[in-house]
Amino acid sequence: MTGGNNNALYRVHAHGQIIACKLCVADQRHRAACEYAALRLLQSTGLDVAPEPLGLDESCEVALYPAVVYRWLPGEPLGPALTDAQLEALLASVQLVHTLEPSRHPEMADSWFHWFDFTLYLAELDDLLAQYGPWLEASDSEGRALQVRLARLLDGCEQFIAAAHVNPGRDHIALRVCRADTNLANAIWNGDGQVRWVDWEYSGWGDPALELAELRWHAAMTGLSARQHDWLRAHYRRPHGDGSFDERLAVWDHIITTRWCFLMLRSLWSAHNGPDRVRLSRMPASPDQLRARLIQFIERAERLAAHSNTL
């Protein structure tokens, strides 16, 4: 059994086959149903970027939690470092997913994470700062300084958004199917030259510029070199006719770098106080590792902000 930071994944041997049974947290997101719908859509389009779906059970009668079942993907997760061949295959798989457009697949729902309003992300970060900032401030002698730096990053995001004058609304962008989770632990490499993904519970219609920003700033992508990150950014094919793509990308860069600071703060709080919500698995990192990660992410967000201010 393995799992991410929320759900639990079981490898099951049955009738000479290996299948994956993923038990999902039961909440308003309907995670299992979302993942199953995405796998079915990808199967119907013939895109070889995900496992074959086998079943969905939301009854909680067979298992204690909603479950999605799919054929086990052979291979190993990518990362933290990638070869150039793996990097090219990673980008190719993302581009394949981004070929799916709403006009051809109207049944797909919006991605859970890809909101179409910058202010919703600012509100989320405000809430996280209000919820976990006081604890951080009281945690030790350096906590107050870290809390101040987080507040400054949030203020910088607000100022950058105000100056950008770009509209991220659904009617102003080239909607594409997005995974909304670029964690390399979910990118499976088995040596055939292709990358396939598991864990599609966040997926749906979203802004591909936001997905490209996540590809750069996700916590799992820190093992890539600056050259590799530059290559990914330069070789991603922008959607045709999406004139504001790079302007939105610049805003998403600021939001996502800052958001990862707050996500790490929440994880640090949980390491000291227990899970902040229902989770079926736990992050393996220690409190000391998470604190070091928090400082690392604050520093990289500050570097991005300083670079933008000099342009």
Protein backbone atom coordinates (compact mmCIF):
# COMPACT_ATOMS: atom_id res chain seq x y z
CA MET A 1 0.00 0.00 0.00
CA THR A 2 1.20 3.49 -0.84
CA GLY A 3 -0.47 6.86 -1.09
CA GLY A 4 -0.04 10.58 -1.48
CA ASN A 5 -0.84 13.06 1.26
CA ASN A 6 -4.59 12.43 1.21
CA ASN A 7 -5.64 9.07 -0.22
CA ALA A 8 -4.47 5.46 -0.03
CA LEU A 9 -3.44 3.28 -2.98
CA TYR A 10 -3.41 -0.52 -2.86
CA ARG A 11 -1.71 -2.85 -5.34
CA VAL A 12 -3.92 -5.92 -5.77
CA HIS A 13 -3.04 -9.20 -7.50
CA ALA A 14 -6.18 -10.87 -8.88
CA HIS A 15 -6.63 -13.58 -11.54
CA GLY A 16 -3.12 -13.11 -12.86
CA GLN A 17 -3.50 -9.34 -13.19
CA ILE A 18 -2.25 -6.43 -11.16
CA ILE A 19 -4.76 -3.70 -10.47
CA ALA A 20 -4.71 -0.50 -8.47
CA CYS A 21 -7.43 0.24 -5.93
CA LYS A 22 -7.38 3.83 -4.77
CA LEU A 23 -9.39 4.72 -1.66
CA CYS A 24 -10.29 8.40 -1.63
CA VAL A 25 -11.21 10.82 1.12
CA ALA A 26 -14.99 11.25 1.16
CA ASP A 27 -15.72 14.96 0.78
CA GLN A 28 -17.57 17.43 -1.44
CA ARG A 29 -14.99 17.02 -4.19
CA HIS A 30 -16.10 13.48 -5.15
CA ARG A 31 -12.46 12.60 -5.78
CA ALA A 32 -12.98 9.01 -6.94
CA ALA A 33 -15.71 9.97 -9.40
CA CYS A 34 -13.61 12.81 -10.80
CA GLU A 35 -10.63 10.55 -11.32
CA TYR A 36 -12.72 7.83 -12.94
CA ALA A 37 -14.35 10.34 -15.30
CA ALA A 38 -10.95 11.63 -16.38
CA LEU A 39 -9.61 8.12 -16.99
CA ARG A 40 -12.69 7.24 -19.04
CA LEU A 41 -12.33 10.40 -21.12
CA LEU A 42 -8.67 9.72 -21.81
CA GLN A 43 -9.46 6.13 -22.73
CA SER A 44 -12.15 7.27 -25.19
CA THR A 45 -9.76 9.70 -26.89
CA GLY A 46 -7.00 7.13 -27.24
CA LEU A 47 -4.40 9.26 -25.47
CA ASP A 48 -1.86 6.91 -23.92
CA VAL A 49 -1.13 9.03 -20.84
CA ALA A 50 -3.05 7.23 -18.07
CA PRO A 51 -3.99 3.76 -16.84
CA GLU A 52 -7.02 1.85 -18.09
CA PRO A 53 -10.04 2.48 -15.82
CA LEU A 54 -11.76 -0.64 -14.49
CA GLY A 55 -14.39 0.54 -12.04
CA LEU A 56 -15.82 3.09 -9.62
CA ASP A 57 -17.51 2.44 -6.28
CA GLU A 58 -18.85 5.39 -4.30
CA SER A 59 -21.20 3.28 -2.17
CA CYS A 60 -18.64 2.74 0.64
CA GLU A 61 -20.17 -0.73 1.01
CA VAL A 62 -17.27 -2.68 -0.49
CA ALA A 63 -14.62 -0.45 1.09
CA LEU A 64 -14.90 2.17 3.80
CA TYR A 65 -14.16 4.97 1.34
CA PRO A 66 -15.06 5.82 -2.27
CA ALA A 67 -12.80 3.80 -4.56
CA VAL A 68 -11.58 3.98 -8.14
CA VAL A 69 -10.00 0.90 -9.71
CA TYR A 70 -7.65 0.88 -12.68
CA ARG A 71 -5.03 -1.34 -14.27
CA TRP A 72 -1.67 -0.99 -12.55
CA LEU A 73 0.84 0.96 -14.63
CA PRO A 74 4.21 -0.82 -14.87
CA GLY A 75 7.25 1.30 -14.20
CA GLU A 76 8.57 3.64 -11.56
CA PRO A 77 7.73 7.23 -10.59
CA LEU A 78 9.94 9.93 -12.05
CA GLY A 79 12.19 12.16 -10.03
CA PRO A 80 13.56 13.93 -8.28
CA ALA A 81 16.16 14.32 -11.06
CA LEU A 82 15.29 13.69 -14.72
CA THR A 83 17.30 12.69 -17.74
CA ASP A 84 16.79 14.77 -20.86
CA ALA A 85 14.83 11.89 -22.43
CA GLN A 86 12.51 11.77 -19.42
CA LEU A 87 12.12 15.55 -19.49
CA GLU A 88 11.07 15.46 -23.15
CA ALA A 89 8.62 12.64 -22.48
CA LEU A 90 7.19 14.53 -19.50
CA LEU A 91 6.49 17.60 -21.60
CA ALA A 92 5.08 15.50 -24.44
CA SER A 93 2.58 13.90 -22.07
CA VAL A 94 1.45 17.30 -20.74
CA GLN A 95 1.03 18.61 -24.27
CA LEU A 96 -1.08 15.59 -25.21
CA VAL A 97 -3.46 16.22 -22.33
CA HIS A 98 -3.64 19.89 -23.34
CA THR A 99 -4.95 18.94 -26.79
CA LEU A 100 -8.37 18.21 -25.26
CA GLU A 101 -10.76 21.14 -25.73
CA PRO A 102 -14.28 21.82 -24.31
CA SER A 103 -15.99 21.88 -27.70
CA ARG A 104 -15.21 18.19 -28.19
CA HIS A 105 -15.74 16.98 -24.63
CA PRO A 106 -18.48 19.06 -22.98
CA GLU A 107 -19.10 16.42 -20.32
CA MET A 108 -15.85 17.22 -18.49
CA ALA A 109 -16.15 19.38 -15.36
CA ASP A 110 -13.82 22.19 -14.32
CA SER A 111 -10.65 21.26 -12.48
CA TRP A 112 -10.99 21.51 -8.73
CA PHE A 113 -7.86 23.60 -8.31
CA HIS A 114 -7.96 25.78 -11.45
CA TRP A 115 -10.12 28.69 -10.42
CA PHE A 116 -10.71 31.40 -12.98
CA ASP A 117 -10.28 34.36 -10.66
CA PHE A 118 -6.97 35.52 -9.21
CA THR A 119 -8.70 36.96 -6.16
CA LEU A 120 -9.88 33.51 -5.07
CA TYR A 121 -6.26 32.46 -4.66
CA LEU A 122 -5.48 35.62 -2.71
CA ALA A 123 -8.44 34.88 -0.42
CA GLU A 124 -7.16 31.33 0.11
CA LEU A 125 -3.70 32.64 1.03
CA ASP A 126 -5.23 35.24 3.36
CA ASP A 127 -7.12 32.44 5.11
CA LEU A 128 -4.00 30.28 5.42
CA LEU A 129 -2.02 33.18 6.87
CA ALA A 130 -4.78 33.94 9.38
CA GLN A 131 -5.10 30.28 10.34
CA TYR A 132 -1.44 29.27 10.63
CA GLY A 133 0.47 32.58 10.87
CA PRO A 134 -0.08 33.10 14.62
CA TRP A 135 1.13 29.58 15.33
CA LEU A 136 4.25 30.16 13.21
CA GLU A 137 4.92 33.46 14.97
CA ALA A 138 4.80 31.74 18.37
CA SER A 139 6.69 28.62 17.26
CA ASP A 140 10.21 29.88 18.01
CA SER A 141 12.43 32.95 17.90
CA GLU A 142 12.47 33.02 14.09
CA GLY A 143 8.74 32.45 13.65
CA ARG A 144 7.80 36.12 13.72
CA ALA A 145 10.28 36.98 10.96
CA LEU A 146 8.97 34.14 8.76
CA GLN A 147 5.39 35.26 9.32
CA VAL A 148 6.31 38.79 8.24
CA ARG A 149 8.01 37.49 5.10
CA LEU A 150 4.92 35.46 4.18
CA ALA A 151 2.69 38.50 4.64
CA ARG A 152 5.05 40.53 2.46
CA LEU A 153 4.89 37.90 -0.30
CA LEU A 154 1.09 37.98 -0.18
CA ASP A 155 1.10 41.77 -0.47
CA GLY A 156 3.45 41.46 -3.44
CA CYS A 157 1.05 39.06 -5.17
CA GLU A 158 -1.81 41.50 -4.73
CA GLN A 159 0.25 44.34 -6.19
CA PHE A 160 1.44 42.24 -9.14
CA ILE A 161 -2.11 41.17 -9.98
CA ALA A 162 -3.36 44.75 -9.77
CA ALA A 163 -0.66 45.92 -12.18
CA ALA A 164 -1.09 43.05 -14.65
CA HIS A 165 -4.56 43.92 -16.00
CA VAL A 166 -5.08 40.43 -17.42
CA ASN A 167 -8.34 38.47 -17.26
CA PRO A 168 -8.12 34.78 -16.23
CA GLY A 169 -11.86 34.16 -16.71
CA ARG A 170 -13.15 31.08 -18.52
CA ASP A 171 -14.30 33.14 -21.51
CA HIS A 172 -10.93 34.85 -21.95
CA ILE A 173 -8.55 31.89 -22.11
CA ALA A 174 -7.97 28.73 -24.15
CA LEU A 175 -9.49 26.12 -21.83
CA ARG A 176 -7.79 22.75 -21.82
CA VAL A 177 -8.00 19.58 -19.76
CA CYS A 178 -5.44 20.02 -16.97
CA ARG A 179 -4.20 17.51 -14.43
CA ALA A 180 -3.74 20.30 -11.88
CA ASP A 181 -1.11 18.19 -10.12
CA THR A 182 2.39 17.95 -11.59
CA ASN A 183 3.81 15.84 -8.76
CA LEU A 184 6.53 13.65 -10.27
CA ALA A 185 5.52 10.86 -7.89
CA ASN A 186 2.48 10.43 -10.13
CA ALA A 187 4.44 10.44 -13.41
CA ILE A 188 5.27 6.83 -14.32
CA TRP A 189 8.26 5.94 -16.50
CA ASN A 190 8.77 2.38 -17.69
CA GLY A 191 11.48 2.81 -20.27
CA ASP A 192 9.32 2.78 -23.43
CA GLY A 193 9.95 6.48 -23.98
CA GLN A 194 6.59 7.69 -22.66
CA VAL A 195 5.36 9.20 -19.41
CA ARG A 196 1.94 8.19 -18.10
CA TRP A 197 0.19 9.72 -15.10
CA VAL A 198 -1.79 8.38 -12.17
CA ASP A 199 -3.84 10.40 -9.67
CA TRP A 200 -6.30 12.40 -11.79
CA GLU A 201 -8.63 13.50 -8.99
CA TYR A 202 -7.96 17.23 -9.52
CA SER A 203 -8.30 17.09 -13.30
CA GLY A 204 -10.75 19.01 -15.46
CA TRP A 205 -11.00 22.18 -17.51
CA GLY A 206 -8.44 24.76 -16.51
CA ASP A 207 -5.93 27.35 -17.62
CA PRO A 208 -2.90 25.68 -19.27
CA ALA A 209 -0.82 28.70 -18.22
CA LEU A 210 -1.51 27.79 -14.60
CA GLU A 211 -0.51 24.19 -15.28
CA LEU A 212 2.75 25.39 -16.83
CA ALA A 213 3.42 27.48 -13.71
CA GLU A 214 2.79 24.44 -11.51
CA LEU A 215 5.18 22.45 -13.69
CA ARG A 216 7.84 25.00 -12.75
CA TRP A 217 7.11 25.56 -9.06
CA HIS A 218 5.62 22.32 -7.71
CA ALA A 219 7.50 21.00 -4.68
CA ALA A 220 8.33 17.81 -6.58
CA MET A 221 10.03 19.75 -9.38
CA THR A 222 12.82 21.26 -7.26
CA GLY A 223 15.23 18.51 -8.34
CA LEU A 224 15.30 19.81 -11.91
CA SER A 225 18.11 22.11 -12.96
CA ALA A 226 17.57 25.71 -14.05
CA ARG A 227 18.45 24.60 -17.59
CA GLN A 228 15.74 21.95 -17.54
CA HIS A 229 13.13 24.35 -16.21
CA ASP A 230 14.07 26.86 -18.89
CA TRP A 231 13.77 24.15 -21.54
CA LEU A 232 10.30 23.16 -20.37
CA ARG A 233 9.11 26.76 -20.39
CA ALA A 234 10.62 27.50 -23.82
CA HIS A 235 9.39 24.31 -25.54
CA TYR A 236 5.83 24.28 -24.26
CA ARG A 237 3.55 24.98 -27.26
CA ARG A 238 1.18 27.78 -26.32
CA PRO A 239 -2.47 27.29 -27.34
CA HIS A 240 -3.24 28.90 -30.69
CA GLY A 241 -5.01 32.23 -30.39
CA ASP A 242 -4.47 32.68 -26.64
CA GLY A 243 -2.87 36.13 -26.75
CA SER A 244 -2.73 36.69 -22.98
CA PHE A 245 -1.07 33.34 -22.17
CA ASP A 246 2.35 34.68 -21.15
CA GLU A 247 0.87 37.59 -19.20
CA ARG A 248 -1.26 35.15 -17.19
CA LEU A 249 1.74 32.87 -16.79
CA ALA A 250 3.67 35.67 -15.11
CA VAL A 251 0.81 36.20 -12.64
CA TRP A 252 0.47 32.49 -11.98
CA ASP A 253 4.22 32.29 -11.31
CA HIS A 254 3.82 34.78 -8.46
CA ILE A 255 0.69 33.13 -7.07
CA ILE A 256 2.02 29.57 -7.25
CA THR A 257 5.44 30.33 -5.73
CA THR A 258 3.70 32.09 -2.85
CA ARG A 259 1.03 29.42 -2.51
CA TRP A 260 3.67 26.71 -2.07
CA CYS A 261 5.06 28.64 0.89
CA PHE A 262 1.66 28.53 2.55
CA LEU A 263 1.08 24.87 1.68
CA MET A 264 4.39 24.06 3.33
CA LEU A 265 3.38 26.13 6.37
CA ARG A 266 0.19 24.09 6.64
CA SER A 267 2.20 20.86 6.38
CA LEU A 268 4.58 22.08 9.10
CA TRP A 269 1.65 22.91 11.35
CA SER A 270 0.20 19.43 10.74
CA ALA A 271 3.53 17.79 11.57
CA HIS A 272 3.35 19.41 15.01
CA ASN A 273 -0.41 19.31 15.63
CA GLY A 274 -1.83 16.42 13.63
CA PRO A 275 -3.64 16.40 10.26
CA ASP A 276 -5.56 19.56 9.42
CA ARG A 277 -8.31 17.50 7.78
CA VAL A 278 -9.22 13.89 7.04
CA ARG A 279 -6.30 12.16 5.35
CA LEU A 280 -5.79 8.48 4.59
CA SER A 281 -1.99 8.74 4.48
CA ARG A 282 0.70 10.98 5.91
CA MET A 283 3.59 13.03 4.57
CA PRO A 284 6.83 11.22 5.46
CA ALA A 285 8.89 14.39 6.07
CA SER A 286 9.93 15.37 9.59
CA PRO A 287 9.13 18.77 11.16
CA ASP A 288 12.75 19.86 10.68
CA GLN A 289 12.64 18.92 7.01
CA LEU A 290 9.35 20.75 6.52
CA ARG A 291 10.66 23.88 8.23
CA ALA A 292 13.73 23.87 5.99
CA ARG A 293 11.41 23.44 3.00
CA LEU A 294 9.29 26.38 4.15
CA ILE A 295 12.35 28.62 4.29
CA GLN A 296 13.53 27.34 0.89
CA PHE A 297 10.17 28.14 -0.70
CA ILE A 298 10.00 31.58 0.91
CA GLU A 299 13.45 32.36 -0.47
CA ARG A 300 12.61 31.28 -4.03
CA ALA A 301 9.35 33.29 -3.98
CA GLU A 302 11.31 36.31 -2.77
CA ARG A 303 13.84 35.84 -5.58
CA LEU A 304 11.06 35.76 -8.18
CA ALA A 305 9.50 38.91 -6.71
CA ALA A 306 12.84 40.70 -6.66
CA HIS A 307 13.55 39.70 -10.27
CA SER A 308 10.15 40.99 -11.40
CA ASN A 309 10.75 44.30 -9.66
CA THR A 310 13.97 44.82 -11.62
CA LEU A 311 12.37 44.28 -15.04
